[in-house]
Amino acid sequence: MIKSNLANILTLIRLLLVPVFIIAIWYQKPFIALVVFTVAGLTDAIDGYIARKFNQVSQFGKIVDPIADKTLLVSAFIFIFNSQLPIKFPFWFVVLVISRDLYILAGSLLIYFIQGYLRVNPSVFGKATTFLQITTVIYTLLSNVNVNFYNELLYDTLIGITLLFMVLSTLTYTYDGFRQLNMTKS
């Protein structure tokens, strides 16, 4: 049975906002997409805070929250890149974002199938990566709402910092995955 609480409701709202966001991008409405994405991004921060502060952590939330995050972010990177909007992510960046998520998913499934369980240990680098990816999407959408807002150096720096944290989080999750697998050999 799914435990109904505010944190889980916010997670579900984030999932429900994904198709609204995609439709806004498809119809080249960057302002609407910006508002929807920002609200969805805020639910990510708020649901985690509420879950911890008010003891609303649930198994449902532990599973669905990262799915909602990845669904929102991967959709944003793919659909903005493939849109007719003038300012988009570099192709190589989109490929690396998606590849990182697939790598982490594959590693998690491997651990689960080998051990029969998986301990999910969110890292500081992982949380920073999510924050930076959300920030990058918001900046891209803002730049498409008002092209004068766009600054190439700022954009390239933001993508570079996001990439750095993506690499650090990937290394952290890889290390944690190997640690989990080694613990089963004792």
Protein backbone atom coordinates (compact mmCIF):
# COMPACT_ATOMS: atom_id res chain seq x y z
CA MET A 1 0.00 0.00 0.00
CA ILE A 2 1.30 3.45 -0.94
CA LYS A 3 1.64 5.71 2.05
CA SER A 4 -0.09 8.97 1.22
CA ASN A 5 1.80 11.94 2.59
CA LEU A 6 2.76 15.40 1.39
CA ALA A 7 6.26 14.35 0.29
CA ASN A 8 4.88 11.55 -1.90
CA ILE A 9 2.16 13.83 -3.31
CA LEU A 10 4.82 16.39 -4.33
CA THR A 11 6.82 13.63 -6.02
CA LEU A 12 3.74 12.55 -7.98
CA ILE A 13 3.04 16.18 -8.95
CA ARG A 14 6.59 16.38 -10.35
CA LEU A 15 5.92 13.28 -12.46
CA LEU A 16 2.61 14.71 -13.69
CA LEU A 17 4.29 17.98 -14.69
CA VAL A 18 6.68 16.20 -17.08
CA PRO A 19 4.17 15.84 -19.95
CA VAL A 20 3.01 19.46 -19.43
CA PHE A 21 6.65 20.56 -19.71
CA ILE A 22 7.21 18.48 -22.86
CA ILE A 23 4.08 19.91 -24.50
CA ALA A 24 5.23 23.47 -23.72
CA ILE A 25 8.63 22.76 -25.32
CA TRP A 26 7.01 21.09 -28.34
CA TYR A 27 4.85 24.15 -28.97
CA GLN A 28 7.83 26.47 -28.41
CA LYS A 29 6.46 28.12 -25.27
CA PRO A 30 9.68 28.56 -23.27
CA PHE A 31 8.05 30.78 -20.63
CA ILE A 32 5.40 28.16 -19.83
CA ALA A 33 8.09 25.46 -19.89
CA LEU A 34 10.21 27.58 -17.54
CA VAL A 35 7.36 28.00 -15.04
CA VAL A 36 6.41 24.31 -15.16
CA PHE A 37 10.02 23.14 -14.88
CA THR A 38 10.79 25.54 -12.03
CA VAL A 39 7.73 24.37 -10.08
CA ALA A 40 8.71 20.75 -10.72
CA GLY A 41 12.31 21.49 -9.66
CA LEU A 42 11.08 23.13 -6.46
CA THR A 43 8.98 20.07 -5.61
CA ASP A 44 12.22 18.07 -5.69
CA ALA A 45 13.77 20.24 -2.99
CA ILE A 46 10.59 20.58 -0.96
CA ASP A 47 9.56 16.91 -0.94
CA GLY A 48 12.97 15.83 0.34
CA TYR A 49 12.90 18.46 3.06
CA ILE A 50 9.37 17.51 4.13
CA ALA A 51 10.17 13.79 4.10
CA ARG A 52 13.14 14.27 6.43
CA LYS A 53 11.75 17.05 8.64
CA PHE A 54 8.34 15.46 9.26
CA ASN A 55 9.45 11.83 9.16
CA GLN A 56 7.58 11.12 5.92
CA VAL A 57 10.34 9.00 4.37
CA SER A 58 8.72 6.01 2.69
CA GLN A 59 9.77 3.12 0.49
CA PHE A 60 7.52 4.58 -2.23
CA GLY A 61 9.33 7.92 -2.01
CA LYS A 62 12.76 6.29 -2.05
CA ILE A 63 11.90 4.58 -5.34
CA VAL A 64 9.66 7.10 -7.11
CA ASP A 65 11.55 10.31 -6.17
CA PRO A 66 14.69 9.49 -8.20
CA ILE A 67 12.50 8.21 -11.06
CA ALA A 68 10.61 11.53 -11.06
CA ASP A 69 13.91 13.46 -11.00
CA LYS A 70 15.41 11.52 -13.88
CA THR A 71 12.19 11.59 -15.92
CA LEU A 72 12.01 15.38 -15.57
CA LEU A 73 15.69 16.03 -16.28
CA VAL A 74 16.18 13.57 -19.13
CA SER A 75 12.97 14.85 -20.76
CA ALA A 76 14.25 18.41 -20.43
CA PHE A 77 17.63 17.64 -21.98
CA ILE A 78 16.20 15.58 -24.85
CA PHE A 79 13.23 17.80 -25.71
CA ILE A 80 15.05 21.13 -25.41
CA PHE A 81 17.88 19.77 -27.56
CA ASN A 82 15.40 18.57 -30.21
CA SER A 83 13.25 21.71 -30.09
CA GLN A 84 13.21 24.70 -32.41
CA LEU A 85 14.34 26.95 -29.55
CA PRO A 86 17.41 29.04 -30.46
CA ILE A 87 19.46 28.19 -27.35
CA LYS A 88 20.03 24.50 -26.70
CA PHE A 89 22.42 22.21 -24.90
CA PRO A 90 25.44 20.91 -26.80
CA PHE A 91 24.80 17.43 -28.20
CA TRP A 92 27.80 15.95 -26.37
CA PHE A 93 26.41 17.24 -23.07
CA VAL A 94 23.00 15.65 -23.63
CA VAL A 95 24.70 12.34 -24.50
CA LEU A 96 26.80 12.47 -21.32
CA VAL A 97 23.80 13.33 -19.10
CA ILE A 98 21.81 10.38 -20.45
CA SER A 99 24.81 8.02 -20.46
CA ARG A 100 25.57 8.82 -16.80
CA ASP A 101 21.98 8.04 -15.79
CA LEU A 102 21.96 4.79 -17.78
CA TYR A 103 25.30 3.80 -16.24
CA ILE A 104 24.01 4.39 -12.71
CA LEU A 105 20.76 2.56 -13.48
CA ALA A 106 22.63 -0.42 -14.97
CA GLY A 107 24.96 -0.55 -11.97
CA SER A 108 22.03 -0.41 -9.55
CA LEU A 109 20.23 -3.23 -11.36
CA LEU A 110 23.41 -5.31 -11.40
CA ILE A 111 23.87 -4.90 -7.65
CA TYR A 112 20.21 -5.70 -7.05
CA PHE A 113 20.34 -8.87 -9.16
CA ILE A 114 23.60 -10.06 -7.57
CA GLN A 115 22.66 -9.26 -3.95
CA GLY A 116 18.87 -9.33 -4.01
CA TYR A 117 18.76 -5.80 -2.58
CA LEU A 118 20.28 -2.38 -3.16
CA ARG A 119 21.19 0.25 -0.60
CA VAL A 120 20.59 3.65 -2.14
CA ASN A 121 23.06 6.12 -0.69
CA PRO A 122 22.55 9.56 -2.24
CA SER A 123 25.87 11.39 -2.31
CA VAL A 124 26.62 15.07 -1.90
CA PHE A 125 27.97 15.04 -5.46
CA GLY A 126 24.77 13.37 -6.71
CA LYS A 127 22.59 15.99 -5.03
CA ALA A 128 24.83 18.77 -6.37
CA THR A 129 24.62 17.24 -9.87
CA THR A 130 20.81 17.25 -9.74
CA PHE A 131 20.80 20.85 -8.51
CA LEU A 132 23.24 21.93 -11.23
CA GLN A 133 21.32 20.09 -13.95
CA ILE A 134 18.10 21.80 -12.84
CA THR A 135 19.93 25.15 -12.80
CA THR A 136 21.30 24.52 -16.31
CA VAL A 137 17.83 23.75 -17.64
CA ILE A 138 16.36 26.84 -15.95
CA TYR A 139 19.14 29.06 -17.35
CA THR A 140 18.60 27.61 -20.83
CA LEU A 141 14.86 28.25 -20.63
CA LEU A 142 15.41 31.78 -19.28
CA SER A 143 17.77 32.45 -22.18
CA ASN A 144 15.08 31.28 -24.59
CA VAL A 145 12.47 33.49 -22.96
CA ASN A 146 14.77 36.50 -23.32
CA VAL A 147 17.73 35.96 -25.65
CA ASN A 148 19.41 39.07 -24.17
CA PHE A 149 19.68 37.14 -20.88
CA TYR A 150 22.02 34.62 -22.53
CA ASN A 151 25.74 34.92 -21.83
CA GLU A 152 27.90 32.37 -23.63
CA LEU A 153 30.71 32.42 -21.06
CA LEU A 154 28.27 31.96 -18.17
CA TYR A 155 26.48 29.17 -20.05
CA ASP A 156 29.71 27.34 -20.89
CA THR A 157 30.91 27.72 -17.29
CA LEU A 158 27.62 26.35 -15.93
CA ILE A 159 27.80 23.36 -18.27
CA GLY A 160 31.45 22.79 -17.30
CA ILE A 161 30.70 22.85 -13.56
CA THR A 162 27.70 20.58 -14.08
CA LEU A 163 29.88 18.16 -16.06
CA LEU A 164 32.52 18.16 -13.30
CA PHE A 165 29.91 17.23 -10.67
CA MET A 166 28.43 14.60 -12.99
CA VAL A 167 31.86 12.95 -13.21
CA LEU A 168 32.44 13.22 -9.44
CA SER A 169 29.02 11.74 -8.64
CA THR A 170 29.53 8.93 -11.16
CA LEU A 171 32.85 8.06 -9.51
CA THR A 172 31.26 8.23 -6.05
CA TYR A 173 28.36 5.96 -7.06
CA THR A 174 30.76 3.55 -8.78
CA TYR A 175 32.90 3.34 -5.64
CA ASP A 176 29.80 2.82 -3.48
CA GLY A 177 28.55 0.12 -5.86
CA PHE A 178 31.82 -1.79 -5.69
CA ARG A 179 31.79 -1.46 -1.90
CA GLN A 180 28.29 -2.95 -1.78
CA LEU A 181 29.33 -5.84 -4.01
CA ASN A 182 32.50 -6.53 -2.00
CA MET A 183 30.48 -6.66 1.22
CA THR A 184 28.60 -9.70 -0.10
CA LYS A 185 31.82 -11.70 -0.64
CA SER A 186 32.62 -11.90 3.09
